């Protein structure tokens, strides 16, 4: 992509809308931000509006209440009103992001329609280039003052959520007890970076650990513990390929208690130790 046409990428850019009065969807701010490497945490704060960030490079750590999540290149990082949060850029690989803040009666429905809720505030996108282009064009029109009332921005916000809906995964076709399995999978996908256990998941779903294990084995062919490990390894592989984080930091970020155990488990799942896997994929990706 030719980034030279996007002059706002040369510095932080902040555009505020003043004149639009739209009860359904009203943009407030559109911005591009990046920062020098720092270990300083931003927040905690509580916003009154809805926000979607698109991470175009780098990564950072987001803290919602007592939960920690990693937001990295290609992620939509959403903020809901009245949620206390703080975040810190990864000092070794600080993110650059484009974000838009908006309000209105349609906002909650838009978030709900793509699966954004209090337990799922970071969405990875599959088609990075398509989302990157839309967010860049969104801020370009604002920076050039082509959209002082925000109408183009409204259209592009709807386009963002339309593309997110297209990327929603197909529902798992389970013969029975699908709500329990799906709820367990959602729990794991949201909390894999923490110290979670099958017993904790079962307790949150009001079933016994033994019953949950039987459901996983019958319907997915693996135990809950094996599924948790597979999710952690998948995210670790992505981070090894797409970031410069140290292997110890990746191990911690995806929820492994020990870097040694992470390396042994990764090699068992991917046939290579993390260091060799990273070198091979970096070489293959040019």
C-alpha atoms as a PDB file:
ATOM      1  CA  UNK A   1       0.000   0.000   0.000  1.00  0.00           C
ATOM      2  CA  UNK A   2       1.173   3.542  -0.777  1.00  0.00           C
ATOM      3  CA  UNK A   3       1.152   5.231   2.634  1.00  0.00           C
ATOM      4  CA  UNK A   4       2.603   8.488   1.282  1.00  0.00           C
ATOM      5  CA  UNK A   5      -0.881   9.745   0.366  1.00  0.00           C
ATOM      6  CA  UNK A   6      -1.909   9.644   4.021  1.00  0.00           C
ATOM      7  CA  UNK A   7      -0.120  12.729   5.314  1.00  0.00           C
ATOM      8  CA  UNK A   8      -1.699  12.435   8.766  1.00  0.00           C
ATOM      9  CA  UNK A   9       0.510   9.378   9.451  1.00  0.00           C
ATOM     10  CA  UNK A  10       3.438  11.756   9.943  1.00  0.00           C
ATOM     11  CA  UNK A  11       2.143  12.856  13.361  1.00  0.00           C
ATOM     12  CA  UNK A  12      -0.696  12.359  15.810  1.00  0.00           C
ATOM     13  CA  UNK A  13      -3.949  13.611  14.328  1.00  0.00           C
ATOM     14  CA  UNK A  14      -7.172  14.498  16.143  1.00  0.00           C
ATOM     15  CA  UNK A  15     -10.417  15.606  14.452  1.00  0.00           C
ATOM     16  CA  UNK A  16     -13.470  16.586  16.482  1.00  0.00           C
ATOM     17  CA  UNK A  17     -16.988  16.904  15.056  1.00  0.00           C
ATOM     18  CA  UNK A  18     -19.138  19.725  16.383  1.00  0.00           C
ATOM     19  CA  UNK A  19     -22.074  20.300  14.082  1.00  0.00           C
ATOM     20  CA  UNK A  20     -23.751  16.944  13.510  1.00  0.00           C
ATOM     21  CA  UNK A  21     -26.945  16.207  15.456  1.00  0.00           C
ATOM     22  CA  UNK A  22     -27.982  12.632  14.794  1.00  0.00           C
ATOM     23  CA  UNK A  23     -29.797  10.630  17.480  1.00  0.00           C
ATOM     24  CA  UNK A  24     -29.030   7.259  15.856  1.00  0.00           C
ATOM     25  CA  UNK A  25     -25.262   7.593  15.296  1.00  0.00           C
ATOM     26  CA  UNK A  26     -23.163  10.668  15.897  1.00  0.00           C
ATOM     27  CA  UNK A  27     -19.354  10.715  15.482  1.00  0.00           C
ATOM     28  CA  UNK A  28     -17.538  12.692  18.147  1.00  0.00           C
ATOM     29  CA  UNK A  29     -13.815  12.199  17.414  1.00  0.00           C
ATOM     30  CA  UNK A  30     -11.699  10.529  14.751  1.00  0.00           C
ATOM     31  CA  UNK A  31      -7.967  10.236  15.415  1.00  0.00           C
ATOM     32  CA  UNK A  32      -4.633   8.648  14.595  1.00  0.00           C
ATOM     33  CA  UNK A  33      -2.196   8.082  17.423  1.00  0.00           C
ATOM     34  CA  UNK A  34       1.204   6.639  18.068  1.00  0.00           C
ATOM     35  CA  UNK A  35       3.691   7.215  20.834  1.00  0.00           C
ATOM     36  CA  UNK A  36       7.340   6.738  21.635  1.00  0.00           C
ATOM     37  CA  UNK A  37       8.190   3.546  23.543  1.00  0.00           C
ATOM     38  CA  UNK A  38       7.153   3.976  27.183  1.00  0.00           C
ATOM     39  CA  UNK A  39       6.084   1.891  30.153  1.00  0.00           C
ATOM     40  CA  UNK A  40       3.530   4.498  31.242  1.00  0.00           C
ATOM     41  CA  UNK A  41      -0.057   3.327  31.661  1.00  0.00           C
ATOM     42  CA  UNK A  42      -2.865   5.516  30.277  1.00  0.00           C
ATOM     43  CA  UNK A  43      -5.826   5.753  32.633  1.00  0.00           C
ATOM     44  CA  UNK A  44      -7.695   4.394  34.425  1.00  0.00           C
ATOM     45  CA  UNK A  45     -10.632   6.305  33.011  1.00  0.00           C
ATOM     46  CA  UNK A  46     -14.300   5.844  32.227  1.00  0.00           C
ATOM     47  CA  UNK A  47     -15.576   7.102  28.860  1.00  0.00           C
ATOM     48  CA  UNK A  48     -19.161   8.131  28.212  1.00  0.00           C
ATOM     49  CA  UNK A  49     -19.222   7.116  24.530  1.00  0.00           C
ATOM     50  CA  UNK A  50     -18.457   4.158  22.264  1.00  0.00           C
ATOM     51  CA  UNK A  51     -14.995   3.791  20.677  1.00  0.00           C
ATOM     52  CA  UNK A  52     -13.440   1.423  18.148  1.00  0.00           C
ATOM     53  CA  UNK A  53      -9.663   1.375  17.677  1.00  0.00           C
ATOM     54  CA  UNK A  54      -8.016  -0.401  14.769  1.00  0.00           C
ATOM     55  CA  UNK A  55      -4.414  -1.379  15.518  1.00  0.00           C
ATOM     56  CA  UNK A  56      -2.450  -0.892  12.300  1.00  0.00           C
ATOM     57  CA  UNK A  57       0.905  -1.894  13.802  1.00  0.00           C
ATOM     58  CA  UNK A  58       2.469  -2.766  17.131  1.00  0.00           C
ATOM     59  CA  UNK A  59       0.570  -3.881  20.205  1.00  0.00           C
ATOM     60  CA  UNK A  60      -0.355  -3.026  23.755  1.00  0.00           C
ATOM     61  CA  UNK A  61      -1.985  -4.320  26.924  1.00  0.00           C
ATOM     62  CA  UNK A  62      -5.542  -3.410  27.860  1.00  0.00           C
ATOM     63  CA  UNK A  63      -6.901  -3.676  31.401  1.00  0.00           C
ATOM     64  CA  UNK A  64     -10.666  -3.911  31.950  1.00  0.00           C
ATOM     65  CA  UNK A  65     -11.504  -4.024  35.638  1.00  0.00           C
ATOM     66  CA  UNK A  66      -9.207  -6.849  36.810  1.00  0.00           C
ATOM     67  CA  UNK A  67      -8.774  -8.455  33.389  1.00  0.00           C
ATOM     68  CA  UNK A  68      -5.846  -8.084  31.012  1.00  0.00           C
ATOM     69  CA  UNK A  69      -5.940  -8.544  27.237  1.00  0.00           C
ATOM     70  CA  UNK A  70      -3.441  -8.085  24.420  1.00  0.00           C
ATOM     71  CA  UNK A  71      -4.406  -5.821  21.501  1.00  0.00           C
ATOM     72  CA  UNK A  72      -2.131  -6.225  18.486  1.00  0.00           C
ATOM     73  CA  UNK A  73      -1.875  -5.430  14.777  1.00  0.00           C
ATOM     74  CA  UNK A  74      -5.114  -6.332  13.026  1.00  0.00           C
ATOM     75  CA  UNK A  75      -7.286  -6.152  16.146  1.00  0.00           C
ATOM     76  CA  UNK A  76     -10.387  -4.072  16.687  1.00  0.00           C
ATOM     77  CA  UNK A  77     -10.110  -2.802  20.262  1.00  0.00           C
ATOM     78  CA  UNK A  78     -13.538  -1.605  21.430  1.00  0.00           C
ATOM     79  CA  UNK A  79     -14.543   0.539  24.400  1.00  0.00           C
ATOM     80  CA  UNK A  80     -18.049   0.582  25.837  1.00  0.00           C
ATOM     81  CA  UNK A  81     -19.478   3.479  27.873  1.00  0.00           C
ATOM     82  CA  UNK A  82     -19.070   3.520  31.635  1.00  0.00           C
ATOM     83  CA  UNK A  83     -16.425   0.780  31.694  1.00  0.00           C
ATOM     84  CA  UNK A  84     -13.293   1.581  33.665  1.00  0.00           C
ATOM     85  CA  UNK A  85     -10.183   0.764  31.676  1.00  0.00           C
ATOM     86  CA  UNK A  86      -6.537   1.580  31.234  1.00  0.00           C
ATOM     87  CA  UNK A  87      -3.976   0.515  28.665  1.00  0.00           C
ATOM     88  CA  UNK A  88      -0.253   0.496  28.102  1.00  0.00           C
ATOM     89  CA  UNK A  89       1.594   0.303  24.826  1.00  0.00           C
ATOM     90  CA  UNK A  90       4.143  -2.478  24.571  1.00  0.00           C
ATOM     91  CA  UNK A  91       7.354  -0.464  25.088  1.00  0.00           C
ATOM     92  CA  UNK A  92       9.199  -2.812  22.738  1.00  0.00           C
ATOM     93  CA  UNK A  93       6.592  -2.519  19.979  1.00  0.00           C
ATOM     94  CA  UNK A  94       4.183   0.406  20.631  1.00  0.00           C
ATOM     95  CA  UNK A  95       1.005   0.379  18.615  1.00  0.00           C
ATOM     96  CA  UNK A  96      -0.188   2.810  16.000  1.00  0.00           C
ATOM     97  CA  UNK A  97      -3.948   3.023  15.755  1.00  0.00           C
ATOM     98  CA  UNK A  98      -6.824   4.845  14.121  1.00  0.00           C
ATOM     99  CA  UNK A  99      -9.896   5.226  16.268  1.00  0.00           C
ATOM    100  CA  UNK A 100     -13.330   6.756  16.133  1.00  0.00           C
ATOM    101  CA  UNK A 101     -15.527   7.772  19.062  1.00  0.00           C
ATOM    102  CA  UNK A 102     -19.277   7.992  18.605  1.00  0.00           C
ATOM    103  CA  UNK A 103     -22.599   7.986  20.411  1.00  0.00           C
ATOM    104  CA  UNK A 104     -26.300   7.488  19.633  1.00  0.00           C
ATOM    105  CA  UNK A 105     -29.188   5.064  20.039  1.00  0.00           C
ATOM    106  CA  UNK A 106     -27.825   2.704  17.345  1.00  0.00           C
ATOM    107  CA  UNK A 107     -24.447   2.108  19.016  1.00  0.00           C
ATOM    108  CA  UNK A 108     -25.402  -0.693  21.388  1.00  0.00           C
ATOM    109  CA  UNK A 109     -27.089  -2.602  18.560  1.00  0.00           C
ATOM    110  CA  UNK A 110     -23.990  -2.250  16.356  1.00  0.00           C
ATOM    111  CA  UNK A 111     -21.712  -3.630  19.071  1.00  0.00           C
ATOM    112  CA  UNK A 112     -24.127  -6.454  19.855  1.00  0.00           C
ATOM    113  CA  UNK A 113     -24.514  -7.399  16.181  1.00  0.00           C
ATOM    114  CA  UNK A 114     -20.811  -8.300  15.860  1.00  0.00           C
ATOM    115  CA  UNK A 115     -20.415  -9.934  19.254  1.00  0.00           C
ATOM    116  CA  UNK A 116     -18.823  -7.035  21.136  1.00  0.00           C
ATOM    117  CA  UNK A 117     -19.893  -7.072  24.768  1.00  0.00           C
ATOM    118  CA  UNK A 118     -18.402  -6.664  28.236  1.00  0.00           C
ATOM    119  CA  UNK A 119     -16.614 -10.010  27.949  1.00  0.00           C
ATOM    120  CA  UNK A 120     -15.415  -9.660  24.364  1.00  0.00           C
ATOM    121  CA  UNK A 121     -13.895  -6.269  23.584  1.00  0.00           C
ATOM    122  CA  UNK A 122     -11.027  -7.243  21.262  1.00  0.00           C
ATOM    123  CA  UNK A 123     -11.833  -8.696  17.832  1.00  0.00           C
ATOM    124  CA  UNK A 124      -9.089  -9.891  15.446  1.00  0.00           C
ATOM    125  CA  UNK A 125      -9.934  -9.278  11.776  1.00  0.00           C
ATOM    126  CA  UNK A 126      -9.126 -11.734   9.000  1.00  0.00           C
ATOM    127  CA  UNK A 127      -8.824  -9.261   6.119  1.00  0.00           C
ATOM    128  CA  UNK A 128      -6.334  -6.767   7.545  1.00  0.00           C
ATOM    129  CA  UNK A 129      -5.828  -4.795   4.314  1.00  0.00           C
ATOM    130  CA  UNK A 130      -9.544  -4.182   3.804  1.00  0.00           C
ATOM    131  CA  UNK A 131     -10.026  -2.800   7.319  1.00  0.00           C
ATOM    132  CA  UNK A 132      -6.774  -0.835   7.136  1.00  0.00           C
ATOM    133  CA  UNK A 133      -7.904   0.873   3.927  1.00  0.00           C
ATOM    134  CA  UNK A 134     -11.299   1.777   5.382  1.00  0.00           C
ATOM    135  CA  UNK A 135      -9.880   3.276   8.584  1.00  0.00           C
ATOM    136  CA  UNK A 136      -7.185   5.176   6.673  1.00  0.00           C
ATOM    137  CA  UNK A 137      -9.745   6.602   4.240  1.00  0.00           C
ATOM    138  CA  UNK A 138     -12.049   7.444   7.128  1.00  0.00           C
ATOM    139  CA  UNK A 139      -9.443   9.654   8.781  1.00  0.00           C
ATOM    140  CA  UNK A 140      -8.151  10.998   5.464  1.00  0.00           C
ATOM    141  CA  UNK A 141     -11.530  12.582   4.630  1.00  0.00           C
ATOM    142  CA  UNK A 142     -11.734  14.017   8.147  1.00  0.00           C
ATOM    143  CA  UNK A 143      -8.171  15.394   8.026  1.00  0.00           C
ATOM    144  CA  UNK A 144      -8.792  17.041   4.653  1.00  0.00           C
ATOM    145  CA  UNK A 145     -11.928  18.661   6.071  1.00  0.00           C
ATOM    146  CA  UNK A 146     -14.014  16.918   3.388  1.00  0.00           C
ATOM    147  CA  UNK A 147     -16.502  15.772   6.011  1.00  0.00           C
ATOM    148  CA  UNK A 148     -17.049  18.601   8.538  1.00  0.00           C
ATOM    149  CA  UNK A 149     -20.536  17.366   9.466  1.00  0.00           C
ATOM    150  CA  UNK A 150     -19.448  13.747   9.817  1.00  0.00           C
ATOM    151  CA  UNK A 151     -21.820  12.169   7.306  1.00  0.00           C
ATOM    152  CA  UNK A 152     -19.071  10.302   5.457  1.00  0.00           C
ATOM    153  CA  UNK A 153     -17.785   9.090   8.803  1.00  0.00           C
ATOM    154  CA  UNK A 154     -21.220   7.737   9.717  1.00  0.00           C
ATOM    155  CA  UNK A 155     -21.289   5.727   6.494  1.00  0.00           C
ATOM    156  CA  UNK A 156     -17.829   4.328   7.137  1.00  0.00           C
ATOM    157  CA  UNK A 157     -18.695   3.383  10.710  1.00  0.00           C
ATOM    158  CA  UNK A 158     -21.593   1.340   9.359  1.00  0.00           C
ATOM    159  CA  UNK A 159     -19.215  -0.159   6.773  1.00  0.00           C
ATOM    160  CA  UNK A 160     -16.803  -1.197   9.535  1.00  0.00           C
ATOM    161  CA  UNK A 161     -19.540  -3.059  11.378  1.00  0.00           C
ATOM    162  CA  UNK A 162     -20.841  -4.521   8.114  1.00  0.00           C
ATOM    163  CA  UNK A 163     -17.407  -5.990   7.378  1.00  0.00           C
ATOM    164  CA  UNK A 164     -17.128  -7.286  10.943  1.00  0.00           C
ATOM    165  CA  UNK A 165     -20.450  -9.090  10.539  1.00  0.00           C
ATOM    166  CA  UNK A 166     -19.163 -10.712   7.336  1.00  0.00           C
ATOM    167  CA  UNK A 167     -16.189 -12.039   9.312  1.00  0.00           C
ATOM    168  CA  UNK A 168     -18.250 -13.588  12.102  1.00  0.00           C
ATOM    169  CA  UNK A 169     -17.335 -17.269  12.409  1.00  0.00           C
ATOM    170  CA  UNK A 170     -19.904 -19.861  11.533  1.00  0.00           C
ATOM    171  CA  UNK A 171     -21.600 -21.347  14.563  1.00  0.00           C
ATOM    172  CA  UNK A 172     -20.229 -24.687  15.675  1.00  0.00           C
ATOM    173  CA  UNK A 173     -22.680 -27.425  14.666  1.00  0.00           C
ATOM    174  CA  UNK A 174     -23.069 -29.391  17.870  1.00  0.00           C
ATOM    175  CA  UNK A 175     -25.700 -32.094  18.295  1.00  0.00           C
ATOM    176  CA  UNK A 176     -26.751 -31.087  21.801  1.00  0.00           C
ATOM    177  CA  UNK A 177     -25.814 -28.941  24.805  1.00  0.00           C
ATOM    178  CA  UNK A 178     -24.533 -26.419  22.303  1.00  0.00           C
ATOM    179  CA  UNK A 179     -25.137 -23.468  24.625  1.00  0.00           C
ATOM    180  CA  UNK A 180     -22.835 -24.934  27.277  1.00  0.00           C
ATOM    181  CA  UNK A 181     -20.047 -25.685  24.784  1.00  0.00           C
ATOM    182  CA  UNK A 182     -20.325 -22.297  23.078  1.00  0.00           C
ATOM    183  CA  UNK A 183     -20.333 -20.495  26.419  1.00  0.00           C
ATOM    184  CA  UNK A 184     -17.247 -22.449  27.477  1.00  0.00           C
ATOM    185  CA  UNK A 185     -15.478 -21.628  24.204  1.00  0.00           C
ATOM    186  CA  UNK A 186     -16.372 -17.934  24.559  1.00  0.00           C
ATOM    187  CA  UNK A 187     -15.022 -17.983  28.117  1.00  0.00           C
ATOM    188  CA  UNK A 188     -11.744 -19.555  26.975  1.00  0.00           C
ATOM    189  CA  UNK A 189     -11.317 -17.189  24.012  1.00  0.00           C
ATOM    190  CA  UNK A 190     -11.816 -14.207  26.330  1.00  0.00           C
ATOM    191  CA  UNK A 191      -9.721 -15.397  29.272  1.00  0.00           C
ATOM    192  CA  UNK A 192      -6.986 -17.624  27.786  1.00  0.00           C
ATOM    193  CA  UNK A 193      -4.317 -15.123  28.850  1.00  0.00           C
ATOM    194  CA  UNK A 194      -5.204 -15.624  32.524  1.00  0.00           C
ATOM    195  CA  UNK A 195      -4.735 -18.576  34.868  1.00  0.00           C
ATOM    196  CA  UNK A 196      -7.994 -20.410  34.125  1.00  0.00           C
ATOM    197  CA  UNK A 197      -8.937 -24.018  34.762  1.00  0.00           C
ATOM    198  CA  UNK A 198     -11.670 -26.393  33.570  1.00  0.00           C
ATOM    199  CA  UNK A 199     -13.056 -26.303  37.110  1.00  0.00           C
ATOM    200  CA  UNK A 200     -13.373 -22.522  36.998  1.00  0.00           C
ATOM    201  CA  UNK A 201     -15.093 -22.663  33.604  1.00  0.00           C
ATOM    202  CA  UNK A 202     -17.488 -25.381  34.770  1.00  0.00           C
ATOM    203  CA  UNK A 203     -18.346 -23.379  37.887  1.00  0.00           C
ATOM    204  CA  UNK A 204     -19.158 -20.289  35.796  1.00  0.00           C
ATOM    205  CA  UNK A 205     -21.572 -22.404  33.707  1.00  0.00           C
ATOM    206  CA  UNK A 206     -23.147 -24.156  36.726  1.00  0.00           C
ATOM    207  CA  UNK A 207     -22.097 -27.653  35.626  1.00  0.00           C
ATOM    208  CA  UNK A 208     -19.622 -30.140  37.081  1.00  0.00           C
ATOM    209  CA  UNK A 209     -16.057 -30.376  35.706  1.00  0.00           C
ATOM    210  CA  UNK A 210     -16.705 -34.024  34.856  1.00  0.00           C
ATOM    211  CA  UNK A 211     -19.813 -33.163  32.833  1.00  0.00           C
ATOM    212  CA  UNK A 212     -18.001 -30.373  30.974  1.00  0.00           C
ATOM    213  CA  UNK A 213     -15.126 -32.759  30.181  1.00  0.00           C
ATOM    214  CA  UNK A 214     -17.551 -35.322  28.750  1.00  0.00           C
ATOM    215  CA  UNK A 215     -19.198 -32.665  26.551  1.00  0.00           C
ATOM    216  CA  UNK A 216     -15.834 -31.484  25.197  1.00  0.00           C
ATOM    217  CA  UNK A 217     -14.603 -35.004  24.518  1.00  0.00           C
ATOM    218  CA  UNK A 218     -17.822 -36.103  22.807  1.00  0.00           C
ATOM    219  CA  UNK A 219     -18.346 -32.969  20.701  1.00  0.00           C
ATOM    220  CA  UNK A 220     -14.849 -31.595  20.093  1.00  0.00           C
ATOM    221  CA  UNK A 221     -12.669 -34.648  20.628  1.00  0.00           C
ATOM    222  CA  UNK A 222     -10.445 -32.961  23.220  1.00  0.00           C
ATOM    223  CA  UNK A 223     -10.556 -32.184  26.933  1.00  0.00           C
ATOM    224  CA  UNK A 224     -11.180 -28.612  28.169  1.00  0.00           C
ATOM    225  CA  UNK A 225      -7.508 -28.383  29.191  1.00  0.00           C
ATOM    226  CA  UNK A 226      -6.363 -29.451  25.718  1.00  0.00           C
ATOM    227  CA  UNK A 227      -8.676 -26.886  24.136  1.00  0.00           C
ATOM    228  CA  UNK A 228      -7.331 -24.107  26.387  1.00  0.00           C
ATOM    229  CA  UNK A 229      -3.774 -25.068  25.414  1.00  0.00           C
ATOM    230  CA  UNK A 230      -4.629 -25.070  21.691  1.00  0.00           C
ATOM    231  CA  UNK A 231      -6.063 -21.535  21.938  1.00  0.00           C
ATOM    232  CA  UNK A 232      -2.983 -20.295  23.798  1.00  0.00           C
ATOM    233  CA  UNK A 233      -0.633 -21.877  21.270  1.00  0.00           C
ATOM    234  CA  UNK A 234      -2.557 -20.406  18.336  1.00  0.00           C
ATOM    235  CA  UNK A 235      -2.204 -16.880  19.748  1.00  0.00           C
ATOM    236  CA  UNK A 236       1.442 -17.526  20.625  1.00  0.00           C
ATOM    237  CA  UNK A 237       2.190 -18.605  17.038  1.00  0.00           C
ATOM    238  CA  UNK A 238       0.596 -15.407  15.721  1.00  0.00           C
ATOM    239  CA  UNK A 239       2.644 -13.288  18.111  1.00  0.00           C
ATOM    240  CA  UNK A 240       5.875 -15.101  17.232  1.00  0.00           C
ATOM    241  CA  UNK A 241       5.247 -14.369  13.550  1.00  0.00           C
ATOM    242  CA  UNK A 242       3.910 -10.812  13.792  1.00  0.00           C
ATOM    243  CA  UNK A 243       5.690  -9.203  16.765  1.00  0.00           C
ATOM    244  CA  UNK A 244       9.183  -8.685  18.149  1.00  0.00           C
ATOM    245  CA  UNK A 245       8.192  -9.590  21.700  1.00  0.00           C
ATOM    246  CA  UNK A 246      10.627 -11.754  23.643  1.00  0.00           C
ATOM    247  CA  UNK A 247       9.568 -15.382  23.911  1.00  0.00           C
ATOM    248  CA  UNK A 248       9.263 -15.087  27.705  1.00  0.00           C
ATOM    249  CA  UNK A 249       6.871 -12.141  27.264  1.00  0.00           C
ATOM    250  CA  UNK A 250       4.771 -14.086  24.746  1.00  0.00           C
ATOM    251  CA  UNK A 251       4.633 -17.030  27.127  1.00  0.00           C
ATOM    252  CA  UNK A 252       3.228 -14.792  29.858  1.00  0.00           C
ATOM    253  CA  UNK A 253       0.871 -12.916  27.519  1.00  0.00           C
ATOM    254  CA  UNK A 254      -0.910 -16.100  26.409  1.00  0.00           C
ATOM    255  CA  UNK A 255      -1.272 -17.496  29.906  1.00  0.00           C
ATOM    256  CA  UNK A 256       1.587 -19.953  30.443  1.00  0.00           C
ATOM    257  CA  UNK A 257       2.950 -20.041  33.984  1.00  0.00           C
ATOM    258  CA  UNK A 258       6.469 -21.043  32.889  1.00  0.00           C
ATOM    259  CA  UNK A 259       8.515 -20.124  29.787  1.00  0.00           C
ATOM    260  CA  UNK A 260      10.054 -23.597  29.886  1.00  0.00           C
ATOM    261  CA  UNK A 261       6.654 -25.310  29.918  1.00  0.00           C
ATOM    262  CA  UNK A 262       5.540 -22.981  27.116  1.00  0.00           C
ATOM    263  CA  UNK A 263       8.516 -23.996  24.945  1.00  0.00           C
ATOM    264  CA  UNK A 264       7.980 -27.707  25.574  1.00  0.00           C
ATOM    265  CA  UNK A 265       4.238 -27.455  24.873  1.00  0.00           C
ATOM    266  CA  UNK A 266       4.751 -25.310  21.771  1.00  0.00           C
ATOM    267  CA  UNK A 267       7.245 -27.763  20.294  1.00  0.00           C
ATOM    268  CA  UNK A 268       4.829 -30.633  20.944  1.00  0.00           C
ATOM    269  CA  UNK A 269       2.038 -28.766  19.125  1.00  0.00           C
ATOM    270  CA  UNK A 270       4.001 -27.137  16.265  1.00  0.00           C
ATOM    271  CA  UNK A 271       7.001 -29.494  15.916  1.00  0.00           C
ATOM    272  CA  UNK A 272       9.473 -26.631  16.416  1.00  0.00           C
ATOM    273  CA  UNK A 273      10.590 -24.707  19.463  1.00  0.00           C
ATOM    274  CA  UNK A 274       9.329 -21.077  19.543  1.00  0.00           C
ATOM    275  CA  UNK A 275      12.672 -19.597  18.424  1.00  0.00           C
ATOM    276  CA  UNK A 276      12.985 -21.844  15.354  1.00  0.00           C
ATOM    277  CA  UNK A 277       9.305 -21.383  14.502  1.00  0.00           C
ATOM    278  CA  UNK A 278       9.731 -17.586  14.569  1.00  0.00           C
ATOM    279  CA  UNK A 279      12.864 -17.672  12.397  1.00  0.00           C
ATOM    280  CA  UNK A 280      11.267 -19.991   9.841  1.00  0.00           C
ATOM    281  CA  UNK A 281       8.074 -17.949   9.501  1.00  0.00           C
ATOM    282  CA  UNK A 282       9.905 -14.615   9.373  1.00  0.00           C
ATOM    283  CA  UNK A 283      12.065 -16.035   6.566  1.00  0.00           C
ATOM    284  CA  UNK A 284       9.054 -17.392   4.666  1.00  0.00           C
ATOM    285  CA  UNK A 285       7.219 -14.080   5.006  1.00  0.00           C
ATOM    286  CA  UNK A 286      10.144 -12.189   3.576  1.00  0.00           C
END
